Amino acid sequence: QGQLVESGGGLVQAGGSLRLSCGFSGRTFSNYALGWFRQAPGKEREFVATISWSFDTYYGDSVKGRFTISRDNAKSTVYLQMNSLKPEDTAVYYCAADTQIEMRPGDPLSEYDYWGQGTQVTVSS
């Protein structure tokens, strides 16, 4: 059984940066597309970014140019570098994994095989 564990969340001022990490155990990491999603109170879970087996990346419109997703197959870890943070980025951030080669914006959340427990990111104004 695969397991995803996020870390790196916290409180940051607007304009600041954070880097989230997500470690994946129990499965062959390089055989999974990885993604980051977020969910603010009272809102649906939102696509943030994904990275494919071949390191192709996709981003949600609200984070393009500010966030960068990356993966380190040797460490079985996916990262989300978040720069120029805004108060509207405040949410619980989740990582997810799927056995397809890539996952794109709009793909159903139900297709993802594994989800982490989430890490809180709070951006103060």
PDB file of N, CA and C in Angstrom:
ATOM      1  N   GLN A   1       0.841  -1.187   0.000  1.00  0.00           N
ATOM      2  CA  GLN A   1       0.000   0.000   0.000  1.00  0.00           C
ATOM      3  C   GLN A   1       0.881   1.242   0.000  1.00  0.00           C
ATOM      4  N   GLY A   2       0.607   2.174  -0.895  1.00  0.00           N
ATOM      5  CA  GLY A   2       1.381   3.399  -0.953  1.00  0.00           C
ATOM      6  C   GLY A   2       0.964   4.383   0.112  1.00  0.00           C
ATOM      7  N   GLN A   3       1.914   5.197   0.547  1.00  0.00           N
ATOM      8  CA  GLN A   3       1.632   6.212   1.551  1.00  0.00           C
ATOM      9  C   GLN A   3       2.344   7.503   1.184  1.00  0.00           C
ATOM     10  N   LEU A   4       1.606   8.609   1.265  1.00  0.00           N
ATOM     11  CA  LEU A   4       2.136   9.935   0.993  1.00  0.00           C
ATOM     12  C   LEU A   4       2.109  10.747   2.276  1.00  0.00           C
ATOM     13  N   VAL A   5       3.208  11.442   2.568  1.00  0.00           N
ATOM     14  CA  VAL A   5       3.277  12.262   3.775  1.00  0.00           C
ATOM     15  C   VAL A   5       3.826  13.633   3.412  1.00  0.00           C
ATOM     16  N   GLU A   6       2.987  14.664   3.605  1.00  0.00           N
ATOM     17  CA  GLU A   6       3.389  16.038   3.295  1.00  0.00           C
ATOM     18  C   GLU A   6       4.068  16.685   4.493  1.00  0.00           C
ATOM     19  N   SER A   7       4.904  17.677   4.198  1.00  0.00           N
ATOM     20  CA  SER A   7       5.523  18.497   5.235  1.00  0.00           C
ATOM     21  C   SER A   7       5.881  19.846   4.639  1.00  0.00           C
ATOM     22  N   GLY A   8       6.196  20.788   5.517  1.00  0.00           N
ATOM     23  CA  GLY A   8       6.668  22.084   5.058  1.00  0.00           C
ATOM     24  C   GLY A   8       5.660  23.215   5.126  1.00  0.00           C
ATOM     25  N   GLY A   9       4.434  22.912   5.520  1.00  0.00           N
ATOM     26  CA  GLY A   9       3.457  23.974   5.637  1.00  0.00           C
ATOM     27  C   GLY A   9       3.753  24.891   6.813  1.00  0.00           C
ATOM     28  N   GLY A  10       3.026  25.998   6.887  1.00  0.00           N
ATOM     29  CA  GLY A  10       3.214  26.923   7.987  1.00  0.00           C
ATOM     30  C   GLY A  10       2.585  28.262   7.717  1.00  0.00           C
ATOM     31  N   LEU A  11       2.974  29.244   8.509  1.00  0.00           N
ATOM     32  CA  LEU A  11       2.470  30.610   8.407  1.00  0.00           C
ATOM     33  C   LEU A  11       3.541  31.481   7.771  1.00  0.00           C
ATOM     34  N   VAL A  12       3.145  32.245   6.764  1.00  0.00           N
ATOM     35  CA  VAL A  12       4.079  33.117   6.065  1.00  0.00           C
ATOM     36  C   VAL A  12       3.373  34.414   5.699  1.00  0.00           C
ATOM     37  N   GLN A  13       4.117  35.489   5.610  1.00  0.00           N
ATOM     38  CA  GLN A  13       3.531  36.756   5.196  1.00  0.00           C
ATOM     39  C   GLN A  13       3.359  36.801   3.680  1.00  0.00           C
ATOM     40  N   ALA A  14       2.433  37.600   3.247  1.00  0.00           N
ATOM     41  CA  ALA A  14       2.218  37.786   1.815  1.00  0.00           C
ATOM     42  C   ALA A  14       3.519  38.243   1.158  1.00  0.00           C
ATOM     43  N   GLY A  15       3.797  37.657  -0.014  1.00  0.00           N
ATOM     44  CA  GLY A  15       5.040  37.936  -0.713  1.00  0.00           C
ATOM     45  C   GLY A  15       6.162  36.977  -0.376  1.00  0.00           C
ATOM     46  N   GLY A  16       5.963  36.175   0.653  1.00  0.00           N
ATOM     47  CA  GLY A  16       6.986  35.231   1.083  1.00  0.00           C
ATOM     48  C   GLY A  16       6.951  33.928   0.304  1.00  0.00           C
ATOM     49  N   SER A  17       7.782  32.999   0.752  1.00  0.00           N
ATOM     50  CA  SER A  17       7.929  31.712   0.069  1.00  0.00           C
ATOM     51  C   SER A  17       7.866  30.557   1.059  1.00  0.00           C
ATOM     52  N   LEU A  18       7.430  29.417   0.557  1.00  0.00           N
ATOM     53  CA  LEU A  18       7.454  28.161   1.292  1.00  0.00           C
ATOM     54  C   LEU A  18       7.763  27.051   0.310  1.00  0.00           C
ATOM     55  N   ARG A  19       8.368  25.960   0.812  1.00  0.00           N
ATOM     56  CA  ARG A  19       8.547  24.780  -0.008  1.00  0.00           C
ATOM     57  C   ARG A  19       7.903  23.595   0.692  1.00  0.00           C
ATOM     58  N   LEU A  20       6.952  22.996   0.034  1.00  0.00           N
ATOM     59  CA  LEU A  20       6.306  21.796   0.540  1.00  0.00           C
ATOM     60  C   LEU A  20       7.019  20.564  -0.011  1.00  0.00           C
ATOM     61  N   SER A  21       7.060  19.540   0.813  1.00  0.00           N
ATOM     62  CA  SER A  21       7.628  18.260   0.410  1.00  0.00           C
ATOM     63  C   SER A  21       6.598  17.160   0.642  1.00  0.00           C
ATOM     64  N   CYS A  22       6.692  16.115  -0.157  1.00  0.00           N
ATOM     65  CA  CYS A  22       5.794  14.972   0.007  1.00  0.00           C
ATOM     66  C   CYS A  22       6.579  13.696  -0.294  1.00  0.00           C
ATOM     67  N   GLY A  23       6.765  12.886   0.721  1.00  0.00           N
ATOM     68  CA  GLY A  23       7.459  11.619   0.551  1.00  0.00           C
ATOM     69  C   GLY A  23       6.488  10.496   0.259  1.00  0.00           C
ATOM     70  N   PHE A  24       6.879   9.594  -0.626  1.00  0.00           N
ATOM     71  CA  PHE A  24       6.027   8.492  -1.077  1.00  0.00           C
ATOM     72  C   PHE A  24       6.720   7.178  -0.766  1.00  0.00           C
ATOM     73  N   SER A  25       6.055   6.306  -0.049  1.00  0.00           N
ATOM     74  CA  SER A  25       6.625   5.021   0.312  1.00  0.00           C
ATOM     75  C   SER A  25       5.669   3.900  -0.068  1.00  0.00           C
ATOM     76  N   GLY A  26       6.222   2.709  -0.192  1.00  0.00           N
ATOM     77  CA  GLY A  26       5.403   1.533  -0.434  1.00  0.00           C
ATOM     78  C   GLY A  26       5.175   1.176  -1.882  1.00  0.00           C
ATOM     79  N   ARG A  27       5.552   2.057  -2.779  1.00  0.00           N
ATOM     80  CA  ARG A  27       5.402   1.808  -4.213  1.00  0.00           C
ATOM     81  C   ARG A  27       6.623   2.362  -4.933  1.00  0.00           C
ATOM     82  N   THR A  28       6.778   1.984  -6.229  1.00  0.00           N
ATOM     83  CA  THR A  28       7.904   2.490  -7.023  1.00  0.00           C
ATOM     84  C   THR A  28       7.591   3.912  -7.465  1.00  0.00           C
ATOM     85  N   PHE A  29       8.242   4.854  -6.832  1.00  0.00           N
ATOM     86  CA  PHE A  29       7.931   6.270  -7.007  1.00  0.00           C
ATOM     87  C   PHE A  29       7.976   6.704  -8.465  1.00  0.00           C
ATOM     88  N   SER A  30       8.976   6.244  -9.214  1.00  0.00           N
ATOM     89  CA  SER A  30       9.164   6.719 -10.585  1.00  0.00           C
ATOM     90  C   SER A  30       8.049   6.282 -11.522  1.00  0.00           C
ATOM     91  N   ASN A  31       7.215   5.354 -11.099  1.00  0.00           N
ATOM     92  CA  ASN A  31       6.101   4.866 -11.916  1.00  0.00           C
ATOM     93  C   ASN A  31       4.801   5.628 -11.682  1.00  0.00           C
ATOM     94  N   TYR A  32       4.879   6.738 -10.976  1.00  0.00           N
ATOM     95  CA  TYR A  32       3.689   7.505 -10.635  1.00  0.00           C
ATOM     96  C   TYR A  32       3.801   8.946 -11.111  1.00  0.00           C
ATOM     97  N   ALA A  33       2.669   9.455 -11.606  1.00  0.00           N
ATOM     98  CA  ALA A  33       2.519  10.893 -11.759  1.00  0.00           C
ATOM     99  C   ALA A  33       2.159  11.450 -10.381  1.00  0.00           C
ATOM    100  N   LEU A  34       2.700  12.622 -10.065  1.00  0.00           N
ATOM    101  CA  LEU A  34       2.481  13.229  -8.762  1.00  0.00           C
ATOM    102  C   LEU A  34       1.806  14.579  -8.918  1.00  0.00           C
ATOM    103  N   GLY A  35       0.985  14.919  -7.944  1.00  0.00           N
ATOM    104  CA  GLY A  35       0.295  16.195  -8.025  1.00  0.00           C
ATOM    105  C   GLY A  35       0.128  16.866  -6.677  1.00  0.00           C
ATOM    106  N   TRP A  36      -0.140  18.158  -6.730  1.00  0.00           N
ATOM    107  CA  TRP A  36      -0.491  18.948  -5.556  1.00  0.00           C
ATOM    108  C   TRP A  36      -1.860  19.570  -5.778  1.00  0.00           C
ATOM    109  N   PHE A  37      -2.670  19.526  -4.744  1.00  0.00           N
ATOM    110  CA  PHE A  37      -3.991  20.129  -4.735  1.00  0.00           C
ATOM    111  C   PHE A  37      -4.118  20.941  -3.461  1.00  0.00           C
ATOM    112  N   ARG A  38      -5.121  21.789  -3.408  1.00  0.00           N
ATOM    113  CA  ARG A  38      -5.361  22.547  -2.187  1.00  0.00           C
ATOM    114  C   ARG A  38      -6.853  22.721  -1.969  1.00  0.00           C
ATOM    115  N   GLN A  39      -7.210  22.910  -0.715  1.00  0.00           N
ATOM    116  CA  GLN A  39      -8.612  23.093  -0.361  1.00  0.00           C
ATOM    117  C   GLN A  39      -8.723  24.116   0.752  1.00  0.00           C
ATOM    118  N   ALA A  40      -9.423  25.197   0.442  1.00  0.00           N
ATOM    119  CA  ALA A  40      -9.691  26.243   1.417  1.00  0.00           C
ATOM    120  C   ALA A  40     -11.033  25.950   2.094  1.00  0.00           C
ATOM    121  N   PRO A  41     -11.251  26.500   3.280  1.00  0.00           N
ATOM    122  CA  PRO A  41     -12.521  26.248   3.986  1.00  0.00           C
ATOM    123  C   PRO A  41     -13.719  26.634   3.141  1.00  0.00           C
ATOM    124  N   GLY A  42     -14.669  25.718   3.027  1.00  0.00           N
ATOM    125  CA  GLY A  42     -15.889  25.986   2.294  1.00  0.00           C
ATOM    126  C   GLY A  42     -15.759  25.901   0.784  1.00  0.00           C
ATOM    127  N   LYS A  43     -14.598  25.504   0.302  1.00  0.00           N
ATOM    128  CA  LYS A  43     -14.381  25.424  -1.143  1.00  0.00           C
ATOM    129  C   LYS A  43     -14.023  24.001  -1.557  1.00  0.00           C
ATOM    130  N   GLU A  44     -14.167  23.725  -2.846  1.00  0.00           N
ATOM    131  CA  GLU A  44     -13.804  22.421  -3.376  1.00  0.00           C
ATOM    132  C   GLU A  44     -12.272  22.304  -3.493  1.00  0.00           C
ATOM    133  N   ARG A  45     -11.832  21.047  -3.531  1.00  0.00           N
ATOM    134  CA  ARG A  45     -10.407  20.819  -3.713  1.00  0.00           C
ATOM    135  C   ARG A  45      -9.996  21.315  -5.103  1.00  0.00           C
ATOM    136  N   GLU A  46      -8.901  22.038  -5.155  1.00  0.00           N
ATOM    137  CA  GLU A  46      -8.466  22.727  -6.371  1.00  0.00           C
ATOM    138  C   GLU A  46      -7.142  22.173  -6.880  1.00  0.00           C
ATOM    139  N   PHE A  47      -7.055  21.997  -8.198  1.00  0.00           N
ATOM    140  CA  PHE A  47      -5.817  21.565  -8.833  1.00  0.00           C
ATOM    141  C   PHE A  47      -4.761  22.660  -8.697  1.00  0.00           C
ATOM    142  N   VAL A  48      -3.542  22.272  -8.307  1.00  0.00           N
ATOM    143  CA  VAL A  48      -2.432  23.217  -8.220  1.00  0.00           C
ATOM    144  C   VAL A  48      -1.389  22.899  -9.290  1.00  0.00           C
ATOM    145  N   ALA A  49      -0.870  21.676  -9.281  1.00  0.00           N
ATOM    146  CA  ALA A  49       0.189  21.311 -10.231  1.00  0.00           C
ATOM    147  C   ALA A  49       0.357  19.801 -10.267  1.00  0.00           C
ATOM    148  N   THR A  50       0.829  19.302 -11.400  1.00  0.00           N
ATOM    149  CA  THR A  50       1.208  17.901 -11.511  1.00  0.00           C
ATOM    150  C   THR A  50       2.518  17.780 -12.268  1.00  0.00           C
ATOM    151  N   ILE A  51       3.190  16.635 -12.060  1.00  0.00           N
ATOM    152  CA  ILE A  51       4.424  16.327 -12.773  1.00  0.00           C
ATOM    153  C   ILE A  51       4.364  14.874 -13.197  1.00  0.00           C
ATOM    154  N   SER A  52       4.718  14.631 -14.449  1.00  0.00           N
ATOM    155  CA  SER A  52       4.582  13.298 -15.023  1.00  0.00           C
ATOM    156  C   SER A  52       5.827  12.451 -14.789  1.00  0.00           C
ATOM    157  N   TRP A  53       5.729  11.197 -15.296  1.00  0.00           N
ATOM    158  CA  TRP A  53       6.900  10.316 -15.225  1.00  0.00           C
ATOM    159  C   TRP A  53       8.107  10.978 -15.881  1.00  0.00           C
ATOM    160  N   SER A  54       7.864  11.675 -16.991  1.00  0.00           N
ATOM    161  CA  SER A  54       8.954  12.261 -17.779  1.00  0.00           C
ATOM    162  C   SER A  54       9.196  13.718 -17.416  1.00  0.00           C
ATOM    163  N   PHE A  55       8.709  14.119 -16.249  1.00  0.00           N
ATOM    164  CA  PHE A  55       8.970  15.443 -15.690  1.00  0.00           C
ATOM    165  C   PHE A  55       8.237  16.564 -16.418  1.00  0.00           C
ATOM    166  N   ASP A  56       7.243  16.233 -17.236  1.00  0.00           N
ATOM    167  CA  ASP A  56       6.373  17.284 -17.776  1.00  0.00           C
ATOM    168  C   ASP A  56       5.509  17.847 -16.651  1.00  0.00           C
ATOM    169  N   THR A  57       5.268  19.145 -16.705  1.00  0.00           N
ATOM    170  CA  THR A  57       4.529  19.787 -15.609  1.00  0.00           C
ATOM    171  C   THR A  57       3.297  20.524 -16.117  1.00  0.00           C
ATOM    172  N   TYR A  58       2.286  20.597 -15.250  1.00  0.00           N
ATOM    173  CA  TYR A  58       1.052  21.331 -15.523  1.00  0.00           C
ATOM    174  C   TYR A  58       0.722  22.151 -14.272  1.00  0.00           C
ATOM    175  N   TYR A  59       0.175  23.350 -14.497  1.00  0.00           N
ATOM    176  CA  TYR A  59      -0.135  24.235 -13.381  1.00  0.00           C
ATOM    177  C   TYR A  59      -1.544  24.800 -13.509  1.00  0.00           C
ATOM    178  N   GLY A  60      -2.149  25.058 -12.353  1.00  0.00           N
ATOM    179  CA  GLY A  60      -3.396  25.776 -12.356  1.00  0.00           C
ATOM    180  C   GLY A  60      -3.146  27.238 -12.689  1.00  0.00           C
ATOM    181  N   ASP A  61      -4.148  27.885 -13.263  1.00  0.00           N
ATOM    182  CA  ASP A  61      -3.979  29.270 -13.715  1.00  0.00           C
ATOM    183  C   ASP A  61      -3.617  30.209 -12.561  1.00  0.00           C
ATOM    184  N   SER A  62      -4.130  29.947 -11.390  1.00  0.00           N
ATOM    185  CA  SER A  62      -3.917  30.864 -10.269  1.00  0.00           C
ATOM    186  C   SER A  62      -2.497  30.801  -9.703  1.00  0.00           C
ATOM    187  N   VAL A  63      -1.724  29.786 -10.067  1.00  0.00           N
ATOM    188  CA  VAL A  63      -0.372  29.650  -9.500  1.00  0.00           C
ATOM    189  C   VAL A  63       0.726  29.714 -10.559  1.00  0.00           C
ATOM    190  N   LYS A  64       0.352  29.787 -11.821  1.00  0.00           N
ATOM    191  CA  LYS A  64       1.362  29.833 -12.884  1.00  0.00           C
ATOM    192  C   LYS A  64       2.312  31.008 -12.686  1.00  0.00           C
ATOM    193  N   GLY A  65       3.606  30.724 -12.827  1.00  0.00           N
ATOM    194  CA  GLY A  65       4.606  31.768 -12.680  1.00  0.00           C
ATOM    195  C   GLY A  65       5.045  32.008 -11.246  1.00  0.00           C
ATOM    196  N   ARG A  66       4.319  31.432 -10.277  1.00  0.00           N
ATOM    197  CA  ARG A  66       4.674  31.612  -8.864  1.00  0.00           C
ATOM    198  C   ARG A  66       5.076  30.306  -8.201  1.00  0.00           C
ATOM    199  N   PHE A  67       4.458  29.206  -8.594  1.00  0.00           N
ATOM    200  CA  PHE A  67       4.724  27.897  -7.990  1.00  0.00           C
ATOM    201  C   PHE A  67       5.497  27.032  -8.979  1.00  0.00           C
ATOM    202  N   THR A  68       6.340  26.147  -8.421  1.00  0.00           N
ATOM    203  CA  THR A  68       7.095  25.197  -9.235  1.00  0.00           C
ATOM    204  C   THR A  68       7.032  23.815  -8.595  1.00  0.00           C
ATOM    205  N   ILE A  69       6.587  22.846  -9.376  1.00  0.00           N
ATOM    206  CA  ILE A  69       6.569  21.460  -8.910  1.00  0.00           C
ATOM    207  C   ILE A  69       7.806  20.748  -9.436  1.00  0.00           C
ATOM    208  N   SER A  70       8.370  19.884  -8.614  1.00  0.00           N
ATOM    209  CA  SER A  70       9.536  19.107  -9.030  1.00  0.00           C
ATOM    210  C   SER A  70       9.498  17.760  -8.317  1.00  0.00           C
ATOM    211  N   ARG A  71      10.294  16.835  -8.813  1.00  0.00           N
ATOM    212  CA  ARG A  71      10.351  15.514  -8.191  1.00  0.00           C
ATOM    213  C   ARG A  71      11.790  15.031  -8.143  1.00  0.00           C
ATOM    214  N   ASP A  72      12.106  14.271  -7.114  1.00  0.00           N
ATOM    215  CA  ASP A  72      13.411  13.643  -6.973  1.00  0.00           C
ATOM    216  C   ASP A  72      13.155  12.149  -6.830  1.00  0.00           C
ATOM    217  N   ASN A  73      13.328  11.415  -7.910  1.00  0.00           N
ATOM    218  CA  ASN A  73      13.020   9.984  -7.878  1.00  0.00           C
ATOM    219  C   ASN A  73      13.941   9.221  -6.924  1.00  0.00           C
ATOM    220  N   ALA A  74      15.162   9.689  -6.752  1.00  0.00           N
ATOM    221  CA  ALA A  74      16.094   9.011  -5.843  1.00  0.00           C
ATOM    222  C   ALA A  74      15.633   9.122  -4.393  1.00  0.00           C
ATOM    223  N   LYS A  75      14.930  10.199  -4.087  1.00  0.00           N
ATOM    224  CA  LYS A  75      14.450  10.419  -2.718  1.00  0.00           C
ATOM    225  C   LYS A  75      12.964  10.103  -2.573  1.00  0.00           C
ATOM    226  N   SER A  76      12.329   9.695  -3.678  1.00  0.00           N
ATOM    227  CA  SER A  76      10.885   9.395  -3.653  1.00  0.00           C
ATOM    228  C   SER A  76      10.087  10.555  -3.075  1.00  0.00           C
ATOM    229  N   THR A  77      10.421  11.749  -3.524  1.00  0.00           N
ATOM    230  CA  THR A  77       9.821  12.961  -2.966  1.00  0.00           C
ATOM    231  C   THR A  77       9.410  13.912  -4.084  1.00  0.00           C
ATOM    232  N   VAL A  78       8.252  14.513  -3.910  1.00  0.00           N
ATOM    233  CA  VAL A  78       7.789  15.571  -4.801  1.00  0.00           C
ATOM    234  C   VAL A  78       7.738  16.866  -3.999  1.00  0.00           C
ATOM    235  N   TYR A  79       8.097  17.959  -4.651  1.00  0.00           N
ATOM    236  CA  TYR A  79       8.178  19.252  -3.990  1.00  0.00           C
ATOM    237  C   TYR A  79       7.232  20.254  -4.655  1.00  0.00           C
ATOM    238  N   LEU A  80       6.863  21.269  -3.879  1.00  0.00           N
ATOM    239  CA  LEU A  80       6.131  22.402  -4.424  1.00  0.00           C
ATOM    240  C   LEU A  80       6.774  23.659  -3.853  1.00  0.00           C
ATOM    241  N   GLN A  81       7.511  24.354  -4.708  1.00  0.00           N
ATOM    242  CA  GLN A  81       8.105  25.634  -4.318  1.00  0.00           C
ATOM    243  C   GLN A  81       7.085  26.729  -4.586  1.00  0.00           C
ATOM    244  N   MET A  82       6.741  27.458  -3.545  1.00  0.00           N
ATOM    245  CA  MET A  82       5.708  28.485  -3.644  1.00  0.00           C
ATOM    246  C   MET A  82       6.326  29.838  -3.355  1.00  0.00           C
ATOM    247  N   ASN A  83       6.323  30.705  -4.347  1.00  0.00           N
ATOM    248  CA  ASN A  83       6.872  32.054  -4.220  1.00  0.00           C
ATOM    249  C   ASN A  83       5.769  33.094  -4.386  1.00  0.00           C
ATOM    250  N   SER A  84       6.056  34.310  -3.964  1.00  0.00           N
ATOM    251  CA  SER A  84       5.098  35.416  -4.097  1.00  0.00           C
ATOM    252  C   SER A  84       3.724  35.019  -3.568  1.00  0.00           C
ATOM    253  N   LEU A  85       3.717  34.459  -2.390  1.00  0.00           N
ATOM    254  CA  LEU A  85       2.469  33.951  -1.827  1.00  0.00           C
ATOM    255  C   LEU A  85       1.480  35.069  -1.541  1.00  0.00           C
ATOM    256  N   LYS A  86       0.203  34.736  -1.714  1.00  0.00           N
ATOM    257  CA  LYS A  86      -0.887  35.673  -1.516  1.00  0.00           C
ATOM    258  C   LYS A  86      -1.826  35.110  -0.446  1.00  0.00           C
ATOM    259  N   PRO A  87      -2.583  35.967   0.217  1.00  0.00           N
ATOM    260  CA  PRO A  87      -3.547  35.461   1.205  1.00  0.00           C
ATOM    261  C   PRO A  87      -4.502  34.424   0.621  1.00  0.00           C
ATOM    262  N   GLU A  88      -4.855  34.566  -0.647  1.00  0.00           N
ATOM    263  CA  GLU A  88      -5.767  33.602  -1.277  1.00  0.00           C
ATOM    264  C   GLU A  88      -5.128  32.241  -1.519  1.00  0.00           C
ATOM    265  N   ASP A  89      -3.833  32.110  -1.268  1.00  0.00           N
ATOM    266  CA  ASP A  89      -3.187  30.793  -1.350  1.00  0.00           C
ATOM    267  C   ASP A  89      -3.386  29.987  -0.069  1.00  0.00           C
ATOM    268  N   THR A  90      -3.973  30.614   0.944  1.00  0.00           N
ATOM    269  CA  THR A  90      -4.218  29.924   2.209  1.00  0.00           C
ATOM    270  C   THR A  90      -5.154  28.741   1.992  1.00  0.00           C
ATOM    271  N   ALA A  91      -4.699  27.563   2.410  1.00  0.00           N
ATOM    272  CA  ALA A  91      -5.468  26.339   2.214  1.00  0.00           C
ATOM    273  C   ALA A  91      -4.714  25.171   2.847  1.00  0.00           C
ATOM    274  N   VAL A  92      -5.369  24.039   2.909  1.00  0.00           N
ATOM    275  CA  VAL A  92      -4.677  22.776   3.195  1.00  0.00           C
ATOM    276  C   VAL A  92      -4.193  22.228   1.860  1.00  0.00           C
ATOM    277  N   TYR A  93      -2.922  21.906   1.792  1.00  0.00           N
ATOM    278  CA  TYR A  93      -2.315  21.408   0.564  1.00  0.00           C
ATOM    279  C   TYR A  93      -2.118  19.902   0.671  1.00  0.00           C
ATOM    280  N   TYR A  94      -2.555  19.212  -0.378  1.00  0.00           N
ATOM    281  CA  TYR A  94      -2.490  17.758  -0.425  1.00  0.00           C
ATOM    282  C   TYR A  94      -1.640  17.308  -1.612  1.00  0.00           C
ATOM    283  N   CYS A  95      -0.859  16.266  -1.428  1.00  0.00           N
ATOM    284  CA  CYS A  95      -0.209  15.647  -2.579  1.00  0.00           C
ATOM    285  C   CYS A  95      -0.953  14.359  -2.928  1.00  0.00           C
ATOM    286  N   ALA A  96      -0.822  13.973  -4.184  1.00  0.00           N
ATOM    287  CA  ALA A  96      -1.527  12.807  -4.701  1.00  0.00           C
ATOM    288  C   ALA A  96      -0.653  12.094  -5.712  1.00  0.00           C
ATOM    289  N   ALA A  97      -0.923  10.797  -5.892  1.00  0.00           N
ATOM    290  CA  ALA A  97      -0.139   9.990  -6.819  1.00  0.00           C
ATOM    291  C   ALA A  97      -1.055   9.120  -7.658  1.00  0.00           C
ATOM    292  N   ASP A  98      -0.673   8.928  -8.917  1.00  0.00           N
ATOM    293  CA  ASP A  98      -1.458   8.085  -9.821  1.00  0.00           C
ATOM    294  C   ASP A  98      -0.520   7.312 -10.734  1.00  0.00           C
ATOM    295  N   THR A  99      -0.931   6.094 -11.105  1.00  0.00           N
ATOM    296  CA  THR A  99      -0.067   5.244 -11.909  1.00  0.00           C
ATOM    297  C   THR A  99      -0.042   5.619 -13.389  1.00  0.00           C
ATOM    298  N   GLN A 100      -0.886   6.556 -13.814  1.00  0.00           N
ATOM    299  CA  GLN A 100      -0.824   6.985 -15.201  1.00  0.00           C
ATOM    300  C   GLN A 100       0.455   7.778 -15.444  1.00  0.00           C
ATOM    301  N   ILE A 101       0.870   7.821 -16.698  1.00  0.00           N
ATOM    302  CA  ILE A 101       2.110   8.515 -17.042  1.00  0.00           C
ATOM    303  C   ILE A 101       2.036   9.990 -16.664  1.00  0.00           C
ATOM    304  N   GLU A 102       0.855  10.596 -16.878  1.00  0.00           N
ATOM    305  CA  GLU A 102       0.681  11.985 -16.499  1.00  0.00           C
ATOM    306  C   GLU A 102      -0.761  12.233 -16.106  1.00  0.00           C
ATOM    307  N   MET A 103      -0.938  13.264 -15.300  1.00  0.00           N
ATOM    308  CA  MET A 103      -2.261  13.706 -14.897  1.00  0.00           C
ATOM    309  C   MET A 103      -2.364  15.188 -15.228  1.00  0.00           C
ATOM    310  N   ARG A 104      -3.506  15.579 -15.803  1.00  0.00           N
ATOM    311  CA  ARG A 104      -3.651  16.956 -16.268  1.00  0.00           C
ATOM    312  C   ARG A 104      -4.744  17.672 -15.490  1.00  0.00           C
ATOM    313  N   PRO A 105      -4.755  19.002 -15.571  1.00  0.00           N
ATOM    314  CA  PRO A 105      -5.855  19.738 -14.943  1.00  0.00           C
ATOM    315  C   PRO A 105      -7.195  19.241 -15.476  1.00  0.00           C
ATOM    316  N   GLY A 106      -8.137  19.054 -14.602  1.00  0.00           N
ATOM    317  CA  GLY A 106      -9.446  18.585 -15.023  1.00  0.00           C
ATOM    318  C   GLY A 106      -9.647  17.101 -14.915  1.00  0.00           C
ATOM    319  N   ASP A 107      -8.571  16.357 -14.771  1.00  0.00           N
ATOM    320  CA  ASP A 107      -8.728  14.912 -14.561  1.00  0.00           C
ATOM    321  C   ASP A 107      -9.436  14.696 -13.223  1.00  0.00           C
ATOM    322  N   PRO A 108     -10.351  13.751 -13.166  1.00  0.00           N
ATOM    323  CA  PRO A 108     -11.118  13.550 -11.918  1.00  0.00           C
ATOM    324  C   PRO A 108     -10.226  13.218 -10.736  1.00  0.00           C
ATOM    325  N   LEU A 109     -10.561  13.789  -9.599  1.00  0.00           N
ATOM    326  CA  LEU A 109      -9.798  13.510  -8.384  1.00  0.00           C
ATOM    327  C   LEU A 109      -9.881  12.036  -8.025  1.00  0.00           C
ATOM    328  N   SER A 110     -10.967  11.407  -8.392  1.00  0.00           N
ATOM    329  CA  SER A 110     -11.159   9.994  -8.068  1.00  0.00           C
ATOM    330  C   SER A 110     -10.173   9.085  -8.779  1.00  0.00           C
ATOM    331  N   GLU A 111      -9.507   9.581  -9.806  1.00  0.00           N
ATOM    332  CA  GLU A 111      -8.547   8.749 -10.535  1.00  0.00           C
ATOM    333  C   GLU A 111      -7.234   8.592  -9.785  1.00  0.00           C
ATOM    334  N   TYR A 112      -6.966   9.489  -8.846  1.00  0.00           N
ATOM    335  CA  TYR A 112      -5.716   9.394  -8.111  1.00  0.00           C
ATOM    336  C   TYR A 112      -5.772   8.207  -7.154  1.00  0.00           C
ATOM    337  N   ASP A 113      -4.674   7.467  -7.117  1.00  0.00           N
ATOM    338  CA  ASP A 113      -4.637   6.255  -6.304  1.00  0.00           C
ATOM    339  C   ASP A 113      -4.370   6.528  -4.829  1.00  0.00           C
ATOM    340  N   TYR A 114      -3.551   7.520  -4.558  1.00  0.00           N
ATOM    341  CA  TYR A 114      -3.154   7.787  -3.177  1.00  0.00           C
ATOM    342  C   TYR A 114      -3.185   9.281  -2.891  1.00  0.00           C
ATOM    343  N   TRP A 115      -3.528   9.609  -1.649  1.00  0.00           N
ATOM    344  CA  TRP A 115      -3.564  10.991  -1.167  1.00  0.00           C
ATOM    345  C   TRP A 115      -2.841  11.081   0.162  1.00  0.00           C
ATOM    346  N   GLY A 116      -2.169  12.232   0.370  1.00  0.00           N
ATOM    347  CA  GLY A 116      -1.595  12.493   1.670  1.00  0.00           C
ATOM    348  C   GLY A 116      -2.634  13.062   2.623  1.00  0.00           C
ATOM    349  N   GLN A 117      -2.206  13.317   3.843  1.00  0.00           N
ATOM    350  CA  GLN A 117      -3.128  13.798   4.874  1.00  0.00           C
ATOM    351  C   GLN A 117      -3.302  15.304   4.852  1.00  0.00           C
ATOM    352  N   GLY A 118      -2.426  15.994   4.127  1.00  0.00           N
ATOM    353  CA  GLY A 118      -2.528  17.441   3.986  1.00  0.00           C
ATOM    354  C   GLY A 118      -1.632  18.199   4.942  1.00  0.00           C
ATOM    355  N   THR A 119      -1.235  19.398   4.515  1.00  0.00           N
ATOM    356  CA  THR A 119      -0.445  20.295   5.358  1.00  0.00           C
ATOM    357  C   THR A 119      -1.000  21.707   5.189  1.00  0.00           C
ATOM    358  N   GLN A 120      -1.144  22.415   6.293  1.00  0.00           N
ATOM    359  CA  GLN A 120      -1.766  23.738   6.276  1.00  0.00           C
ATOM    360  C   GLN A 120      -0.767  24.807   5.855  1.00  0.00           C
ATOM    361  N   VAL A 121      -1.204  25.638   4.921  1.00  0.00           N
ATOM    362  CA  VAL A 121      -0.444  26.829   4.521  1.00  0.00           C
ATOM    363  C   VAL A 121      -1.326  28.037   4.790  1.00  0.00           C
ATOM    364  N   THR A 122      -0.808  28.973   5.575  1.00  0.00           N
ATOM    365  CA  THR A 122      -1.538  30.192   5.902  1.00  0.00           C
ATOM    366  C   THR A 122      -0.694  31.384   5.507  1.00  0.00           C
ATOM    367  N   VAL A 123      -1.272  32.254   4.673  1.00  0.00           N
ATOM    368  CA  VAL A 123      -0.576  33.451   4.209  1.00  0.00           C
ATOM    369  C   VAL A 123      -1.273  34.663   4.807  1.00  0.00           C
ATOM    370  N   SER A 124      -0.546  35.415   5.590  1.00  0.00           N
ATOM    371  CA  SER A 124      -1.123  36.597   6.237  1.00  0.00           C
ATOM    372  C   SER A 124      -0.886  37.833   5.383  1.00  0.00           C
ATOM    373  N   SER A 125      -1.849  38.748   5.459  1.00  0.00           N
ATOM    374  CA  SER A 125      -1.749  39.976   4.650  1.00  0.00           C
ATOM    375  C   SER A 125      -1.002  41.070   5.399  1.00  0.00           C
TER     376      SER A 125
END
